[in-house]
Amino acid sequence: MATFEMQGKEYELKLNFESVKYLNKVVEGGSLGLIGKAMMGDLEVFSHIVHAGLFHHGKNFSFKEVETEIEQAIANETLDGQDVFAICNEVVTDSFFYKKQVNKL
């Protein structure tokens, strides 16, 4: 279970229908583009993955709030490239929604 800390509280990152629709619009190439970027641990897409992964909590965190938390975590050296890679892959490529597609690649 991937988690991310927002405003001092840890939240589970999980995709739902709204998240999938959002992410498919973020990356050129739709779901295949997203899967590729997630597999690479792309930092720009990471921000969107975390944002989308928080939707199911209903807290309505803004994208800017998520980016600020990510920036702070990197500055505090509590989030590194390996973390980004692992979270991207756990939330997207290991998710129920994308798993079969990833396995076919």
N, C-alpha and C. Protein backbone atom coordinates (compact mmCIF):
# COMPACT_ATOMS: atom_id res chain seq x y z
N MET A 1 0.83 -1.17 0.00
CA MET A 1 0.00 0.00 0.00
C MET A 1 0.89 1.25 0.00
N ALA A 2 0.78 2.02 -1.05
CA ALA A 2 1.54 3.26 -1.15
C ALA A 2 0.83 4.34 -0.33
N THR A 3 1.64 5.14 0.36
CA THR A 3 1.10 6.23 1.15
C THR A 3 1.87 7.50 0.85
N PHE A 4 1.26 8.63 1.21
CA PHE A 4 1.92 9.92 1.07
C PHE A 4 1.43 10.82 2.19
N GLU A 5 2.36 11.59 2.76
CA GLU A 5 2.01 12.48 3.85
C GLU A 5 1.58 13.85 3.32
N MET A 6 0.39 14.25 3.74
CA MET A 6 -0.15 15.56 3.40
C MET A 6 -0.51 16.28 4.69
N GLN A 7 0.02 17.47 4.87
CA GLN A 7 -0.30 18.31 6.02
C GLN A 7 -0.13 17.54 7.33
N GLY A 8 0.93 16.75 7.40
CA GLY A 8 1.27 16.03 8.61
C GLY A 8 0.52 14.74 8.85
N LYS A 9 -0.32 14.34 7.92
CA LYS A 9 -1.08 13.10 8.07
C LYS A 9 -0.79 12.19 6.88
N GLU A 10 -0.64 10.89 7.15
CA GLU A 10 -0.34 9.94 6.09
C GLU A 10 -1.64 9.41 5.47
N TYR A 11 -1.67 9.42 4.14
CA TYR A 11 -2.85 8.97 3.39
C TYR A 11 -2.47 7.84 2.44
N GLU A 12 -3.36 6.86 2.33
CA GLU A 12 -3.18 5.79 1.35
C GLU A 12 -3.46 6.35 -0.04
N LEU A 13 -2.63 5.97 -1.00
CA LEU A 13 -2.82 6.37 -2.39
C LEU A 13 -3.49 5.23 -3.12
N LYS A 14 -4.64 5.52 -3.69
CA LYS A 14 -5.42 4.48 -4.36
C LYS A 14 -6.18 5.12 -5.52
N LEU A 15 -6.25 4.41 -6.63
CA LEU A 15 -6.95 4.93 -7.79
C LEU A 15 -8.41 4.52 -7.77
N ASN A 16 -9.26 5.46 -8.15
CA ASN A 16 -10.68 5.18 -8.35
C ASN A 16 -11.04 5.68 -9.76
N PHE A 17 -12.30 5.61 -10.11
CA PHE A 17 -12.72 6.00 -11.46
C PHE A 17 -12.33 7.44 -11.79
N GLU A 18 -12.57 8.34 -10.85
CA GLU A 18 -12.22 9.75 -11.06
C GLU A 18 -10.71 9.92 -11.27
N SER A 19 -9.92 9.17 -10.52
CA SER A 19 -8.46 9.22 -10.63
C SER A 19 -8.00 8.77 -12.01
N VAL A 20 -8.56 7.67 -12.48
CA VAL A 20 -8.18 7.11 -13.78
C VAL A 20 -8.52 8.09 -14.89
N LYS A 21 -9.70 8.69 -14.85
CA LYS A 21 -10.08 9.69 -15.86
C LYS A 21 -9.12 10.87 -15.85
N TYR A 22 -8.78 11.34 -14.67
CA TYR A 22 -7.85 12.46 -14.52
C TYR A 22 -6.48 12.10 -15.10
N LEU A 23 -5.93 10.96 -14.71
CA LEU A 23 -4.59 10.57 -15.15
C LEU A 23 -4.52 10.32 -16.65
N ASN A 24 -5.57 9.79 -17.24
CA ASN A 24 -5.55 9.54 -18.69
C ASN A 24 -5.51 10.84 -19.49
N LYS A 25 -5.90 11.94 -18.88
CA LYS A 25 -5.83 13.25 -19.55
C LYS A 25 -4.50 13.95 -19.33
N VAL A 26 -3.77 13.54 -18.31
CA VAL A 26 -2.52 14.22 -17.93
C VAL A 26 -1.37 13.90 -18.87
N VAL A 27 -1.30 12.66 -19.31
CA VAL A 27 -0.16 12.19 -20.10
C VAL A 27 -0.60 11.91 -21.52
N GLU A 28 0.18 12.40 -22.47
CA GLU A 28 -0.10 12.10 -23.87
C GLU A 28 0.01 10.59 -24.07
N GLY A 29 -0.94 10.03 -24.78
CA GLY A 29 -0.94 8.59 -25.01
C GLY A 29 -1.87 7.84 -24.08
N GLY A 30 -2.63 8.57 -23.28
CA GLY A 30 -3.60 7.92 -22.41
C GLY A 30 -2.99 6.93 -21.46
N SER A 31 -3.64 5.79 -21.30
CA SER A 31 -3.20 4.82 -20.30
C SER A 31 -1.81 4.25 -20.61
N LEU A 32 -1.51 4.02 -21.88
CA LEU A 32 -0.17 3.50 -22.21
C LEU A 32 0.92 4.53 -21.92
N GLY A 33 0.64 5.79 -22.20
CA GLY A 33 1.59 6.85 -21.88
C GLY A 33 1.81 6.96 -20.38
N LEU A 34 0.72 6.87 -19.64
CA LEU A 34 0.80 6.94 -18.18
C LEU A 34 1.60 5.77 -17.62
N ILE A 35 1.32 4.58 -18.10
CA ILE A 35 2.04 3.40 -17.62
C ILE A 35 3.54 3.56 -17.88
N GLY A 36 3.90 4.03 -19.07
CA GLY A 36 5.31 4.24 -19.40
C GLY A 36 5.98 5.23 -18.47
N LYS A 37 5.31 6.35 -18.23
CA LYS A 37 5.86 7.38 -17.34
C LYS A 37 5.95 6.87 -15.90
N ALA A 38 4.95 6.11 -15.47
CA ALA A 38 4.97 5.55 -14.12
C ALA A 38 6.11 4.55 -13.98
N MET A 39 6.33 3.72 -14.99
CA MET A 39 7.40 2.73 -14.94
C MET A 39 8.78 3.39 -14.88
N MET A 40 8.86 4.61 -15.41
CA MET A 40 10.14 5.36 -15.37
C MET A 40 10.29 6.17 -14.09
N GLY A 41 9.22 6.33 -13.33
CA GLY A 41 9.28 7.15 -12.13
C GLY A 41 9.41 8.63 -12.46
N ASP A 42 8.72 9.06 -13.52
CA ASP A 42 8.77 10.45 -13.98
C ASP A 42 8.29 11.39 -12.88
N LEU A 43 9.11 12.37 -12.52
CA LEU A 43 8.79 13.26 -11.40
C LEU A 43 7.57 14.14 -11.67
N GLU A 44 7.42 14.65 -12.88
CA GLU A 44 6.25 15.48 -13.19
C GLU A 44 4.96 14.67 -13.08
N VAL A 45 4.98 13.48 -13.60
CA VAL A 45 3.79 12.62 -13.55
C VAL A 45 3.56 12.13 -12.12
N PHE A 46 4.63 11.98 -11.36
CA PHE A 46 4.51 11.59 -9.95
C PHE A 46 3.57 12.53 -9.20
N SER A 47 3.72 13.81 -9.40
CA SER A 47 2.85 14.80 -8.73
C SER A 47 1.39 14.53 -9.05
N HIS A 48 1.11 14.21 -10.31
CA HIS A 48 -0.27 13.93 -10.72
C HIS A 48 -0.76 12.59 -10.15
N ILE A 49 0.13 11.61 -10.08
CA ILE A 49 -0.24 10.31 -9.53
C ILE A 49 -0.61 10.45 -8.05
N VAL A 50 0.20 11.19 -7.31
CA VAL A 50 -0.11 11.40 -5.89
C VAL A 50 -1.43 12.15 -5.76
N HIS A 51 -1.60 13.20 -6.53
CA HIS A 51 -2.83 13.98 -6.49
C HIS A 51 -4.04 13.07 -6.76
N ALA A 52 -3.97 12.31 -7.85
CA ALA A 52 -5.08 11.42 -8.21
C ALA A 52 -5.28 10.32 -7.17
N GLY A 53 -4.20 9.85 -6.59
CA GLY A 53 -4.28 8.80 -5.58
C GLY A 53 -4.96 9.24 -4.29
N LEU A 54 -5.06 10.54 -4.11
CA LEU A 54 -5.72 11.09 -2.92
C LEU A 54 -7.21 11.34 -3.12
N PHE A 55 -7.69 11.29 -4.36
CA PHE A 55 -9.09 11.60 -4.66
C PHE A 55 -10.07 10.80 -3.81
N HIS A 56 -9.77 9.52 -3.61
CA HIS A 56 -10.73 8.65 -2.93
C HIS A 56 -10.96 9.04 -1.47
N HIS A 57 -10.10 9.91 -0.93
CA HIS A 57 -10.30 10.38 0.45
C HIS A 57 -11.35 11.48 0.54
N GLY A 58 -11.66 12.12 -0.59
CA GLY A 58 -12.66 13.18 -0.60
C GLY A 58 -12.22 14.46 0.10
N LYS A 59 -10.92 14.65 0.26
CA LYS A 59 -10.40 15.83 0.95
C LYS A 59 -10.22 17.02 0.01
N ASN A 60 -10.28 16.77 -1.29
CA ASN A 60 -10.12 17.82 -2.30
C ASN A 60 -8.82 18.60 -2.17
N PHE A 61 -7.71 17.88 -1.97
CA PHE A 61 -6.41 18.53 -1.98
C PHE A 61 -6.17 19.11 -3.36
N SER A 62 -5.66 20.32 -3.44
CA SER A 62 -5.36 20.91 -4.73
C SER A 62 -4.04 20.35 -5.26
N PHE A 63 -3.87 20.44 -6.56
CA PHE A 63 -2.62 19.98 -7.18
C PHE A 63 -1.44 20.78 -6.62
N LYS A 64 -1.64 22.07 -6.40
CA LYS A 64 -0.59 22.93 -5.85
C LYS A 64 -0.20 22.48 -4.44
N GLU A 65 -1.18 22.10 -3.63
CA GLU A 65 -0.87 21.60 -2.28
C GLU A 65 -0.02 20.33 -2.35
N VAL A 66 -0.35 19.46 -3.28
CA VAL A 66 0.41 18.21 -3.45
C VAL A 66 1.83 18.53 -3.88
N GLU A 67 1.97 19.41 -4.86
CA GLU A 67 3.32 19.78 -5.32
C GLU A 67 4.14 20.42 -4.20
N THR A 68 3.52 21.23 -3.39
CA THR A 68 4.22 21.87 -2.28
C THR A 68 4.71 20.82 -1.29
N GLU A 69 3.88 19.84 -0.99
CA GLU A 69 4.29 18.75 -0.07
C GLU A 69 5.44 17.94 -0.66
N ILE A 70 5.39 17.67 -1.96
CA ILE A 70 6.46 16.92 -2.62
C ILE A 70 7.75 17.73 -2.58
N GLU A 71 7.66 18.99 -2.91
CA GLU A 71 8.84 19.87 -2.89
C GLU A 71 9.46 19.91 -1.49
N GLN A 72 8.62 20.02 -0.48
CA GLN A 72 9.11 20.05 0.91
C GLN A 72 9.75 18.73 1.31
N ALA A 73 9.14 17.62 0.90
CA ALA A 73 9.69 16.30 1.22
C ALA A 73 11.06 16.10 0.58
N ILE A 74 11.22 16.57 -0.64
CA ILE A 74 12.53 16.47 -1.30
C ILE A 74 13.54 17.37 -0.60
N ALA A 75 13.13 18.59 -0.25
CA ALA A 75 14.02 19.51 0.45
C ALA A 75 14.45 18.96 1.81
N ASN A 76 13.53 18.27 2.48
CA ASN A 76 13.83 17.67 3.79
C ASN A 76 14.53 16.32 3.68
N GLU A 77 14.74 15.89 2.45
CA GLU A 77 15.41 14.61 2.16
C GLU A 77 14.65 13.42 2.74
N THR A 78 13.31 13.51 2.71
CA THR A 78 12.48 12.38 3.12
C THR A 78 11.84 11.69 1.93
N LEU A 79 12.05 12.25 0.74
CA LEU A 79 11.53 11.67 -0.51
C LEU A 79 12.65 11.72 -1.53
N ASP A 80 13.01 10.57 -2.08
CA ASP A 80 14.08 10.54 -3.09
C ASP A 80 13.59 9.86 -4.37
N GLY A 81 14.46 9.75 -5.32
CA GLY A 81 14.11 9.17 -6.62
C GLY A 81 13.59 7.75 -6.53
N GLN A 82 14.15 6.97 -5.64
CA GLN A 82 13.68 5.59 -5.48
C GLN A 82 12.27 5.56 -4.92
N ASP A 83 11.98 6.46 -4.00
CA ASP A 83 10.62 6.56 -3.45
C ASP A 83 9.63 6.91 -4.55
N VAL A 84 10.00 7.90 -5.39
CA VAL A 84 9.15 8.32 -6.50
C VAL A 84 8.87 7.14 -7.42
N PHE A 85 9.92 6.44 -7.79
CA PHE A 85 9.81 5.27 -8.66
C PHE A 85 8.88 4.22 -8.04
N ALA A 86 9.10 3.91 -6.77
CA ALA A 86 8.31 2.88 -6.10
C ALA A 86 6.83 3.27 -5.98
N ILE A 87 6.56 4.51 -5.61
CA ILE A 87 5.18 4.96 -5.46
C ILE A 87 4.46 4.97 -6.80
N CYS A 88 5.13 5.49 -7.84
CA CYS A 88 4.52 5.50 -9.18
C CYS A 88 4.12 4.10 -9.60
N ASN A 89 5.02 3.17 -9.40
CA ASN A 89 4.75 1.80 -9.83
C ASN A 89 3.71 1.12 -8.97
N GLU A 90 3.74 1.35 -7.69
CA GLU A 90 2.74 0.71 -6.82
C GLU A 90 1.34 1.25 -7.10
N VAL A 91 1.23 2.56 -7.28
CA VAL A 91 -0.09 3.16 -7.47
C VAL A 91 -0.64 2.88 -8.86
N VAL A 92 0.21 2.92 -9.89
CA VAL A 92 -0.28 2.76 -11.26
C VAL A 92 -0.09 1.35 -11.77
N THR A 93 1.16 0.94 -11.95
CA THR A 93 1.39 -0.34 -12.64
C THR A 93 0.93 -1.56 -11.84
N ASP A 94 0.88 -1.45 -10.52
CA ASP A 94 0.40 -2.56 -9.69
C ASP A 94 -1.08 -2.44 -9.34
N SER A 95 -1.73 -1.38 -9.81
CA SER A 95 -3.14 -1.18 -9.48
C SER A 95 -4.01 -2.19 -10.21
N PHE A 96 -5.15 -2.47 -9.63
CA PHE A 96 -6.10 -3.38 -10.25
C PHE A 96 -6.47 -2.92 -11.66
N PHE A 97 -6.66 -1.63 -11.84
CA PHE A 97 -7.14 -1.11 -13.11
C PHE A 97 -6.13 -1.30 -14.24
N TYR A 98 -4.85 -1.09 -13.98
CA TYR A 98 -3.82 -1.14 -15.02
C TYR A 98 -3.02 -2.45 -15.07
N LYS A 99 -3.13 -3.28 -14.06
CA LYS A 99 -2.27 -4.47 -13.92
C LYS A 99 -2.29 -5.39 -15.15
N LYS A 100 -3.44 -5.72 -15.68
CA LYS A 100 -3.50 -6.62 -16.84
C LYS A 100 -2.84 -5.99 -18.07
N GLN A 101 -3.04 -4.70 -18.22
CA GLN A 101 -2.43 -3.99 -19.35
C GLN A 101 -0.90 -4.01 -19.21
N VAL A 102 -0.41 -3.78 -18.02
CA VAL A 102 1.03 -3.80 -17.76
C VAL A 102 1.59 -5.19 -18.05
N ASN A 103 0.90 -6.22 -17.62
CA ASN A 103 1.38 -7.59 -17.83
C ASN A 103 1.46 -7.94 -19.31
N LYS A 104 0.59 -7.37 -20.12
CA LYS A 104 0.61 -7.63 -21.57
C LYS A 104 1.79 -6.94 -22.25
N LEU A 105 2.30 -5.89 -21.64
CA LEU A 105 3.45 -5.19 -22.21
C LEU A 105 4.69 -6.02 -22.04
